[in-house]
Amino acid sequence: MSVVDDAAALVAIPSVTGDERAALEWLVARAGGLSLDARLVEHDPAAVRAAPGWPGEEVARTELLGAEVVRGDGPRRLALCVHVDTVAPGAGPWTHPHGTVADGFVWGRGSVDMKGAVVAALHALARARPAEDVQVVLLAVGSEEDGGQGAFAALERDARFDACVIPEPTGFDVVCAHGGALTFSGVVTGRAAHAALRLEGESAIDRYLPVHAAIAEHERALNADVAHPLMRELALPYPVAVGRLDAGEWSSTVPERLEFEGRLAVRVGEDPAAARAAFETALGGRAQLRWTGGQFASADTPADHPLVSLVAGAVRETGRAGRPAGVPWGADMRLFTARGIPTVMVGTGGLERGHAVDERVSIADLEQLVRILTATIDRF
């Protein structure tokens, strides 16, 4: 089967975060069909949650699985890290069923983020001819979308890597740095009253408005003087957003409670604890805050590192610029760099279609990614 056929087959298998088994079993079987050594790995979720540095989770799960595909047995070790979990397909109508090949694309949830890249990495591993002293390990993980505990568990098991490449959808930029993201929730309270006598109450919505203004001001402060040169190139390096509000019980009642949830950016090199403390200070005690869900630290690999040059050279051979870049979204990259493993991300275009209705990945991009990853393995 071709890269396109395999990508379509994997995309057709639902694997929303927390339910990745079927996709991982397919990957192990397909790797075997390509004469690669592959195995399903079962982690102990309780032990992973208890490990220092656990990155958190947003989805309840009863099992935590991964897969390893290995090529070579040399002492120098390169990891390719991919994730098979996806967000939900959403409620809107799709143009094509998941796993359809049409109009130069593979369509379906996870095609861009990042099942197309999973298959590209698998085929690159099969095609490559690594040096005799090199071992390449494809780490296929779950739980990336809700915090990264799949990659965290894989590294708890084995972190003896000299470098890592993660084929997230970067538009073929070589991503050397990414900001972090911390999930928060908060509560603002007021005093209920009949709407006809609203002056007798205190609206939690009215009390929330200064909180929202403080959040916006904190975002401006984070982006006022960006230190990292690659992050400085972005229109908004460190976004802070409120994604959910829930207030009130009845149209004729002054609301006594408002709940909000959002995402706080962590600047490259910033301690997440310091980011949390600064945010709490900015809100000035006007809301009861909790830190929930996945907690993404930042990541940084120097732009002049040999790994960056290696990958950028492979990208340029396909006619792309292969420029070093920073991105405002978090990924598993930070779990590798936190352990001192130089890591970059490089992958297809189409990030803007990820997590959206009619997500799709270009077939031409997938074929280019296979060539880039193959060259990277060969020259490592």
Protein backbone atom coordinates (compact mmCIF):
# COMPACT_ATOMS: atom_id res chain seq x y z
CA MET A 1 0.00 0.00 0.00
CA SER A 2 1.11 3.57 -0.71
CA VAL A 3 1.60 6.41 1.75
CA VAL A 4 -1.73 7.83 0.62
CA ASP A 5 -3.60 4.55 1.05
CA ASP A 6 -2.10 4.03 4.49
CA ALA A 7 -2.87 7.59 5.57
CA ALA A 8 -6.48 7.15 4.46
CA ALA A 9 -6.74 3.84 6.31
CA LEU A 10 -5.40 5.30 9.56
CA VAL A 11 -7.56 8.42 9.33
CA ALA A 12 -10.62 6.20 8.90
CA ILE A 13 -9.96 4.63 12.32
CA PRO A 14 -11.47 6.80 15.09
CA SER A 15 -8.95 7.56 17.83
CA VAL A 16 -10.24 10.45 19.89
CA THR A 17 -8.00 11.10 22.89
CA GLY A 18 -8.51 8.36 25.44
CA ASP A 19 -9.41 5.69 22.87
CA GLU A 20 -6.27 5.13 20.78
CA ARG A 21 -5.93 1.34 20.89
CA ALA A 22 -7.35 0.55 17.43
CA ALA A 23 -5.11 3.10 15.71
CA LEU A 24 -2.01 1.87 17.50
CA GLU A 25 -2.79 -1.77 16.74
CA TRP A 26 -3.21 -0.85 13.06
CA LEU A 27 0.16 0.93 13.13
CA VAL A 28 1.95 -2.05 14.67
CA ALA A 29 0.43 -4.41 12.11
CA ARG A 30 1.27 -2.10 9.20
CA ALA A 31 4.85 -1.71 10.42
CA GLY A 32 5.16 -5.47 10.40
CA GLY A 33 3.93 -5.49 6.82
CA LEU A 34 6.80 -3.14 5.99
CA SER A 35 9.28 -5.58 7.62
CA LEU A 36 9.84 -3.29 10.59
CA ASP A 37 10.19 -4.37 14.22
CA ALA A 38 7.14 -3.00 16.04
CA ARG A 39 5.41 -3.57 19.34
CA LEU A 40 2.46 -2.24 21.31
CA VAL A 41 3.49 -0.75 24.66
CA GLU A 42 1.15 -0.66 27.63
CA HIS A 43 1.88 1.88 30.35
CA ASP A 44 0.53 1.92 33.89
CA PRO A 45 -1.63 5.08 34.05
CA ALA A 46 -1.40 5.30 37.85
CA ALA A 47 2.41 5.11 37.78
CA VAL A 48 2.56 7.71 35.02
CA ARG A 49 0.32 10.10 36.96
CA ALA A 50 2.51 9.68 40.04
CA ALA A 51 5.79 10.40 38.24
CA PRO A 52 7.50 13.77 38.85
CA GLY A 53 6.76 16.20 36.06
CA TRP A 54 3.50 14.55 34.96
CA PRO A 55 1.95 17.01 32.46
CA GLY A 56 -1.69 16.53 33.43
CA GLU A 57 -4.70 15.31 31.47
CA GLU A 58 -8.13 16.48 30.42
CA VAL A 59 -9.71 13.18 29.35
CA ALA A 60 -10.47 10.25 31.64
CA ARG A 61 -8.88 7.00 30.49
CA THR A 62 -8.62 3.43 31.70
CA GLU A 63 -5.50 2.58 29.68
CA LEU A 64 -2.48 4.40 28.27
CA LEU A 65 -0.94 2.77 25.23
CA GLY A 66 1.84 3.56 22.80
CA ALA A 67 3.75 1.83 20.05
CA GLU A 68 7.43 1.56 19.15
CA VAL A 69 8.82 0.86 15.70
CA VAL A 70 12.58 0.28 15.67
CA ARG A 71 15.15 0.33 12.90
CA GLY A 72 18.81 -0.51 13.60
CA ASP A 73 20.63 -1.18 16.85
CA GLY A 74 23.48 1.35 16.97
CA PRO A 75 24.46 3.48 19.98
CA ARG A 76 23.41 6.81 18.43
CA ARG A 77 19.66 7.08 18.75
CA LEU A 78 17.15 9.25 16.90
CA ALA A 79 13.50 9.43 17.95
CA LEU A 80 10.62 10.25 15.63
CA CYS A 81 7.67 11.11 17.86
CA VAL A 82 4.13 11.05 16.46
CA HIS A 83 0.71 11.03 18.08
CA VAL A 84 -2.32 9.09 16.93
CA ASP A 85 -4.95 10.71 19.15
CA THR A 86 -7.28 13.34 17.74
CA VAL A 87 -9.90 15.77 18.90
CA ALA A 88 -13.55 14.85 18.29
CA PRO A 89 -14.92 15.21 14.74
CA GLY A 90 -17.37 17.93 15.77
CA ALA A 91 -21.06 18.33 15.01
CA GLY A 92 -20.87 20.08 11.63
CA PRO A 93 -21.33 18.26 8.30
CA TRP A 94 -18.21 17.11 6.46
CA THR A 95 -17.72 17.25 2.69
CA HIS A 96 -16.25 13.74 2.62
CA PRO A 97 -16.27 10.78 5.02
CA HIS A 98 -13.18 10.36 7.19
CA GLY A 99 -10.44 8.58 5.28
CA THR A 100 -11.57 9.73 1.83
CA VAL A 101 -8.96 10.51 -0.84
CA ALA A 102 -10.23 13.27 -3.15
CA ASP A 103 -9.08 16.46 -4.90
CA GLY A 104 -5.43 15.94 -3.96
CA PHE A 105 -6.10 15.51 -0.24
CA VAL A 106 -6.69 12.87 2.40
CA TRP A 107 -9.79 14.05 4.28
CA GLY A 108 -10.84 13.38 7.85
CA ARG A 109 -10.23 14.06 11.47
CA GLY A 110 -6.53 13.75 12.29
CA SER A 111 -5.38 13.87 8.68
CA VAL A 112 -3.29 17.00 9.35
CA ASP A 113 -2.92 16.65 13.11
CA MET A 114 -1.27 14.25 12.69
CA LYS A 115 -2.12 10.84 11.24
CA GLY A 116 -0.82 11.74 7.79
CA ALA A 117 2.53 12.48 9.42
CA VAL A 118 2.37 9.21 11.40
CA VAL A 119 2.21 7.29 8.13
CA ALA A 120 4.85 9.50 6.49
CA ALA A 121 7.22 8.77 9.37
CA LEU A 122 6.49 5.04 9.15
CA HIS A 123 7.22 4.93 5.42
CA ALA A 124 10.35 7.07 5.85
CA LEU A 125 11.61 4.58 8.42
CA ALA A 126 10.99 1.72 6.00
CA ARG A 127 12.73 3.48 3.08
CA ALA A 128 15.69 4.94 4.97
CA ARG A 129 19.17 3.49 5.16
CA PRO A 130 20.48 4.65 8.53
CA ALA A 131 24.17 4.47 9.35
CA GLU A 132 25.36 1.29 11.06
CA ASP A 133 25.88 3.08 14.36
CA VAL A 134 22.36 4.57 14.41
CA GLN A 135 19.12 3.32 15.86
CA VAL A 136 15.89 5.09 14.90
CA VAL A 137 12.80 4.65 17.08
CA LEU A 138 9.36 5.76 15.94
CA LEU A 139 7.41 6.55 19.10
CA ALA A 140 3.68 6.57 18.42
CA VAL A 141 1.85 7.98 21.41
CA GLY A 142 -1.61 8.89 22.57
CA SER A 143 -2.81 11.68 24.83
CA GLU A 144 -0.96 14.50 23.04
CA GLU A 145 -4.11 16.53 22.64
CA ASP A 146 -4.85 16.59 26.37
CA GLY A 147 -1.42 17.28 27.81
CA GLY A 148 1.17 14.89 26.45
CA GLN A 149 1.19 12.09 28.98
CA GLY A 150 1.65 9.56 26.16
CA ALA A 151 5.03 11.00 25.20
CA PHE A 152 5.78 11.57 28.89
CA ALA A 153 5.17 7.88 29.59
CA ALA A 154 7.33 6.83 26.63
CA LEU A 155 10.20 8.96 27.96
CA GLU A 156 9.77 7.62 31.47
CA ARG A 157 10.31 4.21 29.91
CA ASP A 158 13.25 5.19 27.68
CA ALA A 159 14.80 8.64 27.26
CA ARG A 160 18.19 7.63 25.88
CA PHE A 161 17.91 9.62 22.68
CA ASP A 162 20.47 11.90 21.08
CA ALA A 163 17.85 13.87 19.12
CA CYS A 164 14.17 13.89 18.21
CA VAL A 165 12.12 15.04 15.22
CA ILE A 166 8.36 15.55 15.58
CA PRO A 167 6.39 15.93 12.32
CA GLU A 168 3.68 18.28 13.56
CA PRO A 169 2.12 20.44 10.80
CA THR A 170 4.57 23.35 10.59
CA GLY A 171 4.19 24.30 6.93
CA PHE A 172 7.72 22.88 6.44
CA ASP A 173 9.27 25.44 8.76
CA VAL A 174 11.81 23.89 11.12
CA VAL A 175 10.33 24.74 14.50
CA CYS A 176 12.99 25.28 17.14
CA ALA A 177 10.86 26.90 19.84
CA HIS A 178 7.30 26.88 21.05
CA GLY A 179 5.46 28.66 23.80
CA GLY A 180 3.70 26.84 26.58
CA ALA A 181 0.02 26.76 27.50
CA LEU A 182 -1.62 26.35 30.88
CA THR A 183 -5.33 25.66 31.27
CA PHE A 184 -7.14 27.64 33.95
CA SER A 185 -10.65 27.89 35.30
CA GLY A 186 -12.08 30.53 37.55
CA VAL A 187 -15.17 31.56 39.47
CA VAL A 188 -16.56 35.02 40.12
CA THR A 189 -19.39 35.32 42.63
CA GLY A 190 -22.08 37.95 43.13
CA ARG A 191 -25.41 38.17 44.96
CA ALA A 192 -28.66 36.96 43.45
CA ALA A 193 -31.77 39.09 43.27
CA HIS A 194 -34.93 39.41 41.20
CA ALA A 195 -34.12 41.12 37.92
CA ALA A 196 -36.83 43.69 38.57
CA LEU A 197 -34.92 44.71 41.70
CA ARG A 198 -31.44 44.19 40.31
CA LEU A 199 -29.96 46.99 42.42
CA GLU A 200 -30.55 44.71 45.40
CA GLY A 201 -28.16 42.17 43.93
CA GLU A 202 -24.62 42.15 42.54
CA SER A 203 -24.17 40.60 39.12
CA ALA A 204 -21.36 38.08 38.78
CA ILE A 205 -21.22 39.06 35.10
CA ASP A 206 -20.56 42.69 36.00
CA ARG A 207 -17.90 41.56 38.45
CA TYR A 208 -16.29 39.42 35.76
CA LEU A 209 -15.80 42.32 33.32
CA PRO A 210 -12.75 43.73 35.17
CA VAL A 211 -11.33 40.20 35.27
CA HIS A 212 -11.64 39.94 31.49
CA ALA A 213 -10.01 43.34 31.09
CA ALA A 214 -7.14 42.24 33.36
CA ILE A 215 -6.66 39.09 31.26
CA ALA A 216 -6.42 41.21 28.10
CA GLU A 217 -3.95 43.55 29.75
CA HIS A 218 -1.84 40.60 30.88
CA GLU A 219 -1.72 39.34 27.29
CA ARG A 220 -0.50 42.78 26.17
CA ALA A 221 2.21 42.70 28.82
CA LEU A 222 3.41 39.23 27.81
CA ASN A 223 3.79 40.39 24.21
CA ALA A 224 5.18 43.87 24.83
CA ASP A 225 8.87 42.93 24.77
CA VAL A 226 9.39 39.41 23.39
CA ALA A 227 12.91 38.19 24.10
CA HIS A 228 13.16 35.08 21.92
CA PRO A 229 14.09 36.11 18.34
CA LEU A 230 12.01 33.43 16.62
CA MET A 231 8.95 34.07 18.75
CA ARG A 232 9.32 37.82 18.14
CA GLU A 233 8.54 37.21 14.47
CA LEU A 234 4.98 36.05 15.26
CA ALA A 235 1.97 38.35 15.16
CA LEU A 236 0.94 37.18 18.64
CA PRO A 237 3.66 35.03 20.24
CA TYR A 238 1.95 34.49 23.58
CA PRO A 239 -1.86 34.42 23.34
CA VAL A 240 -4.10 34.40 26.40
CA ALA A 241 -7.72 33.50 25.77
CA VAL A 242 -10.94 32.76 27.61
CA GLY A 243 -12.68 29.97 25.75
CA ARG A 244 -15.76 29.32 27.86
CA LEU A 245 -18.16 31.33 30.04
CA ASP A 246 -21.12 30.01 32.05
CA ALA A 247 -23.23 32.37 34.12
CA GLY A 248 -26.69 32.70 35.52
CA GLU A 249 -29.66 30.41 36.01
CA TRP A 250 -32.64 32.42 34.76
CA SER A 251 -33.24 35.45 32.59
CA SER A 252 -35.06 37.23 35.41
CA THR A 253 -32.44 36.61 38.09
CA VAL A 254 -29.32 38.63 38.81
CA PRO A 255 -26.57 36.02 38.33
CA GLU A 256 -24.71 35.09 41.49
CA ARG A 257 -22.01 32.94 39.87
CA LEU A 258 -19.91 32.99 36.70
CA GLU A 259 -17.45 30.31 35.68
CA PHE A 260 -14.79 30.85 33.03
CA GLU A 261 -12.10 28.68 31.45
CA GLY A 262 -9.16 29.62 29.31
CA ARG A 263 -5.58 29.25 28.21
CA LEU A 264 -2.54 31.11 29.52
CA ALA A 265 0.60 31.31 27.40
CA VAL A 266 4.01 30.49 28.86
CA ARG A 267 6.92 32.39 27.34
CA VAL A 268 9.88 30.43 26.00
CA GLY A 269 12.20 29.76 28.91
CA GLU A 270 9.65 30.80 31.55
CA ASP A 271 8.95 28.55 34.52
CA PRO A 272 5.26 27.54 34.37
CA ALA A 273 4.98 28.18 38.11
CA ALA A 274 6.17 31.75 37.56
CA ALA A 275 3.68 32.16 34.70
CA ARG A 276 0.86 31.00 36.95
CA ALA A 277 1.93 33.35 39.75
CA ALA A 278 2.15 36.36 37.43
CA PHE A 279 -1.33 35.64 36.05
CA GLU A 280 -2.80 35.35 39.53
CA THR A 281 -1.18 38.65 40.48
CA ALA A 282 -2.60 40.30 37.35
CA LEU A 283 -6.11 39.21 38.30
CA GLY A 284 -5.62 40.74 41.75
CA GLY A 285 -7.75 38.26 43.67
CA ARG A 286 -10.90 39.14 41.71
CA ALA A 287 -11.57 35.49 40.88
CA GLN A 288 -11.05 32.10 42.46
CA LEU A 289 -8.60 30.35 40.11
CA ARG A 290 -7.76 26.70 39.54
CA TRP A 291 -5.18 25.21 37.20
CA THR A 292 -6.72 22.27 35.39
CA GLY A 293 -6.13 19.93 32.48
CA GLY A 294 -2.97 19.72 30.42
CA GLN A 295 -0.07 21.92 31.43
CA PHE A 296 2.33 22.65 28.55
CA ALA A 297 5.72 24.13 29.30
CA SER A 298 7.71 25.85 26.54
CA ALA A 299 10.48 24.32 24.44
CA ASP A 300 13.64 25.66 22.85
CA THR A 301 16.40 24.15 20.71
CA PRO A 302 19.08 26.64 19.59
CA ALA A 303 18.61 27.61 15.95
CA ASP A 304 22.30 26.93 15.30
CA HIS A 305 22.15 23.36 16.62
CA PRO A 306 23.39 20.71 14.13
CA LEU A 307 19.98 19.00 14.21
CA VAL A 308 18.35 22.19 12.92
CA SER A 309 20.87 22.39 10.07
CA LEU A 310 20.36 18.72 9.22
CA VAL A 311 16.58 18.95 9.02
CA ALA A 312 16.58 22.34 7.30
CA GLY A 313 18.90 20.96 4.64
CA ALA A 314 16.55 18.05 4.00
CA VAL A 315 13.63 20.47 3.67
CA ARG A 316 15.48 22.76 1.26
CA GLU A 317 16.17 19.83 -1.06
CA THR A 318 12.41 19.64 -1.69
CA GLY A 319 12.33 23.28 -2.77
CA ARG A 320 11.04 24.65 0.52
CA ALA A 321 12.77 27.40 2.51
CA GLY A 322 13.19 25.29 5.66
CA ARG A 323 13.47 28.37 7.83
CA PRO A 324 13.92 28.10 11.61
CA ALA A 325 10.74 29.26 13.33
CA GLY A 326 8.89 29.55 16.59
CA VAL A 327 5.20 28.75 17.12
CA PRO A 328 2.64 29.89 19.69
CA TRP A 329 1.21 26.42 20.35
CA GLY A 330 2.46 23.71 22.67
CA ALA A 331 3.43 20.18 21.68
CA ASP A 332 5.26 17.08 22.89
CA MET A 333 8.51 18.77 21.89
CA ARG A 334 8.84 20.32 25.34
CA LEU A 335 8.86 16.90 27.01
CA PHE A 336 11.98 15.95 25.04
CA THR A 337 13.83 19.25 25.48
CA ALA A 338 13.07 19.13 29.21
CA ARG A 339 15.20 15.98 29.32
CA GLY A 340 18.03 17.60 27.39
CA ILE A 341 17.14 15.96 24.05
CA PRO A 342 17.59 18.37 21.10
CA THR A 343 14.27 18.41 19.26
CA VAL A 344 12.72 20.12 16.25
CA MET A 345 9.35 19.90 14.58
CA VAL A 346 8.79 19.79 10.83
CA GLY A 347 5.73 18.74 8.89
CA THR A 348 3.09 19.50 6.30
CA GLY A 349 1.00 22.57 5.80
CA GLY A 350 -2.65 22.77 6.79
CA LEU A 351 -2.48 23.52 10.51
CA GLU A 352 -5.32 25.98 10.05
CA ARG A 353 -7.53 23.03 9.04
CA GLY A 354 -6.62 20.93 12.06
CA HIS A 355 -9.36 20.52 14.67
CA ALA A 356 -11.84 21.90 12.10
CA VAL A 357 -14.60 20.50 9.92
CA ASP A 358 -13.19 19.25 6.61
CA GLU A 359 -9.69 18.76 8.03
CA ARG A 360 -7.50 17.46 5.20
CA VAL A 361 -3.84 17.05 4.33
CA SER A 362 -2.27 17.56 0.93
CA ILE A 363 -1.03 14.38 -0.74
CA ALA A 364 1.88 16.33 -2.24
CA ASP A 365 2.83 17.55 1.24
CA LEU A 366 2.78 14.00 2.60
CA GLU A 367 5.08 12.79 -0.15
CA GLN A 368 7.48 15.68 0.53
CA LEU A 369 7.44 14.88 4.24
CA VAL A 370 8.41 11.26 3.54
CA ARG A 371 11.42 12.50 1.56
CA ILE A 372 12.43 14.96 4.28
CA LEU A 373 12.23 12.39 7.07
CA THR A 374 14.03 9.76 4.99
CA ALA A 375 16.91 12.16 4.29
CA THR A 376 17.05 13.16 7.95
CA ILE A 377 17.35 9.52 9.04
CA ASP A 378 19.95 8.72 6.38
CA ARG A 379 22.19 11.64 7.37
CA PHE A 380 21.82 11.49 11.12
